[in-house]
C-alpha atoms as a PDB file:
ATOM      1  CA  MET A   1       0.000   0.000   0.000  1.00  0.00           C
ATOM      2  CA  ASP A   2       1.300   3.440  -0.918  1.00  0.00           C
ATOM      3  CA  GLN A   3       1.355   5.371   2.378  1.00  0.00           C
ATOM      4  CA  ASP A   4       1.914   8.725   0.670  1.00  0.00           C
ATOM      5  CA  ARG A   5      -1.265   8.233  -1.307  1.00  0.00           C
ATOM      6  CA  TYR A   6      -3.532   6.507   1.187  1.00  0.00           C
ATOM      7  CA  GLY A   7      -1.954   7.437   4.513  1.00  0.00           C
ATOM      8  CA  ALA A   8      -1.082   5.108   7.376  1.00  0.00           C
ATOM      9  CA  ARG A   9      -3.809   3.549   9.496  1.00  0.00           C
ATOM     10  CA  PRO A  10      -3.982   4.834  13.047  1.00  0.00           C
ATOM     11  CA  ARG A  11      -2.524   2.527  15.671  1.00  0.00           C
ATOM     12  CA  TRP A  12      -5.856   1.977  17.404  1.00  0.00           C
ATOM     13  CA  HIS A  13      -7.332   0.598  14.142  1.00  0.00           C
ATOM     14  CA  ARG A  14      -4.651  -2.071  13.989  1.00  0.00           C
ATOM     15  CA  LEU A  15      -5.066  -2.854  17.682  1.00  0.00           C
ATOM     16  CA  ALA A  16      -8.864  -3.009  17.487  1.00  0.00           C
ATOM     17  CA  LEU A  17      -8.843  -5.281  14.437  1.00  0.00           C
ATOM     18  CA  GLY A  18      -5.842  -7.489  15.132  1.00  0.00           C
ATOM     19  CA  LEU A  19      -5.533  -7.920  18.874  1.00  0.00           C
ATOM     20  CA  PRO A  20      -8.863  -9.721  19.478  1.00  0.00           C
ATOM     21  CA  TRP A  21      -8.024 -12.210  16.724  1.00  0.00           C
ATOM     22  CA  ALA A  22      -4.540 -12.756  18.154  1.00  0.00           C
ATOM     23  CA  VAL A  23      -5.899 -13.413  21.646  1.00  0.00           C
ATOM     24  CA  ALA A  24      -8.610 -15.727  20.297  1.00  0.00           C
ATOM     25  CA  LEU A  25      -6.092 -17.771  18.285  1.00  0.00           C
ATOM     26  CA  LEU A  26      -3.758 -17.991  21.267  1.00  0.00           C
ATOM     27  CA  VAL A  27      -6.509 -19.136  23.642  1.00  0.00           C
ATOM     28  CA  ILE A  28      -8.013 -21.667  21.212  1.00  0.00           C
ATOM     29  CA  GLY A  29      -4.605 -23.042  20.239  1.00  0.00           C
ATOM     30  CA  GLY A  30      -3.541 -23.280  23.877  1.00  0.00           C
ATOM     31  CA  TYR A  31      -6.753 -25.083  24.787  1.00  0.00           C
ATOM     32  CA  TRP A  32      -6.364 -27.567  21.932  1.00  0.00           C
ATOM     33  CA  THR A  33      -2.745 -28.173  22.931  1.00  0.00           C
ATOM     34  CA  LEU A  34      -3.676 -28.873  26.548  1.00  0.00           C
ATOM     35  CA  VAL A  35      -6.478 -31.201  25.404  1.00  0.00           C
ATOM     36  CA  SER A  36      -4.066 -33.095  23.168  1.00  0.00           C
ATOM     37  CA  TRP A  37      -1.614 -33.556  26.056  1.00  0.00           C
ATOM     38  CA  GLY A  38      -4.361 -34.879  28.323  1.00  0.00           C
ATOM     39  CA  VAL A  39      -4.101 -32.003  30.787  1.00  0.00           C
ATOM     40  CA  ILE A  40      -7.757 -31.104  30.164  1.00  0.00           C
ATOM     41  CA  GLY A  41      -9.977 -34.163  29.944  1.00  0.00           C
ATOM     42  CA  ASP A  42      -9.003 -37.816  29.806  1.00  0.00           C
ATOM     43  CA  THR A  43      -8.452 -38.267  26.076  1.00  0.00           C
ATOM     44  CA  THR A  44      -5.504 -37.324  23.904  1.00  0.00           C
ATOM     45  CA  SER A  45      -5.609 -36.410  20.233  1.00  0.00           C
ATOM     46  CA  GLU A  46      -2.879 -36.564  17.603  1.00  0.00           C
ATOM     47  CA  THR A  47      -4.735 -34.048  15.443  1.00  0.00           C
ATOM     48  CA  PHE A  48      -4.959 -31.453  18.186  1.00  0.00           C
ATOM     49  CA  ALA A  49      -1.326 -32.129  19.079  1.00  0.00           C
ATOM     50  CA  ILE A  50      -0.380 -30.813  15.628  1.00  0.00           C
ATOM     51  CA  ILE A  51      -3.016 -28.147  15.055  1.00  0.00           C
ATOM     52  CA  GLY A  52      -3.096 -26.634  18.573  1.00  0.00           C
ATOM     53  CA  PRO A  53       0.494 -25.357  18.724  1.00  0.00           C
ATOM     54  CA  LEU A  54       0.250 -24.083  15.142  1.00  0.00           C
ATOM     55  CA  VAL A  55      -2.879 -22.056  15.898  1.00  0.00           C
ATOM     56  CA  ALA A  56      -1.335 -20.722  19.123  1.00  0.00           C
ATOM     57  CA  GLY A  57       1.828 -19.813  17.208  1.00  0.00           C
ATOM     58  CA  PHE A  58      -0.184 -17.882  14.636  1.00  0.00           C
ATOM     59  CA  GLY A  59      -1.852 -16.030  17.510  1.00  0.00           C
ATOM     60  CA  VAL A  60       1.506 -15.088  18.997  1.00  0.00           C
ATOM     61  CA  ALA A  61       2.832 -13.992  15.591  1.00  0.00           C
ATOM     62  CA  LEU A  62      -0.251 -11.885  14.861  1.00  0.00           C
ATOM     63  CA  GLY A  63      -0.044 -10.301  18.298  1.00  0.00           C
ATOM     64  CA  TRP A  64       3.629  -9.497  17.741  1.00  0.00           C
ATOM     65  CA  VAL A  65       2.900  -7.808  14.417  1.00  0.00           C
ATOM     66  CA  VAL A  66      -0.054  -5.848  15.793  1.00  0.00           C
ATOM     67  CA  LEU A  67       1.777  -4.648  18.908  1.00  0.00           C
ATOM     68  CA  GLN A  68       4.960  -3.535  17.124  1.00  0.00           C
ATOM     69  CA  ARG A  69       5.410   0.190  16.725  1.00  0.00           C
ATOM     70  CA  ARG A  70       6.207   1.472  13.273  1.00  0.00           C
ATOM     71  CA  SER A  71       9.369   3.491  12.986  1.00  0.00           C
END
C-alpha cells in the first residue's frame, strides 16, 4: 500500500482489528494443545497435538505484528 497516497492507518485501528483475533487464536490453540496432552480431559488427540500449537503460534505472531510500533 502506498502510504503517501492513502496514509497510514492509526494505531488503534490495527489494535482493534488485530488484537482480538490474536488473543482468540492464542486461547483456542492453547486449549487444543492442553487437550491433546491430556491435561484437560481424559483423552488425547494426535490431530490437536499438531493443530493446537500451530494455531497458538499464529496467535503469537499476529499479536507481535499488531503490537509492534512502526518506525
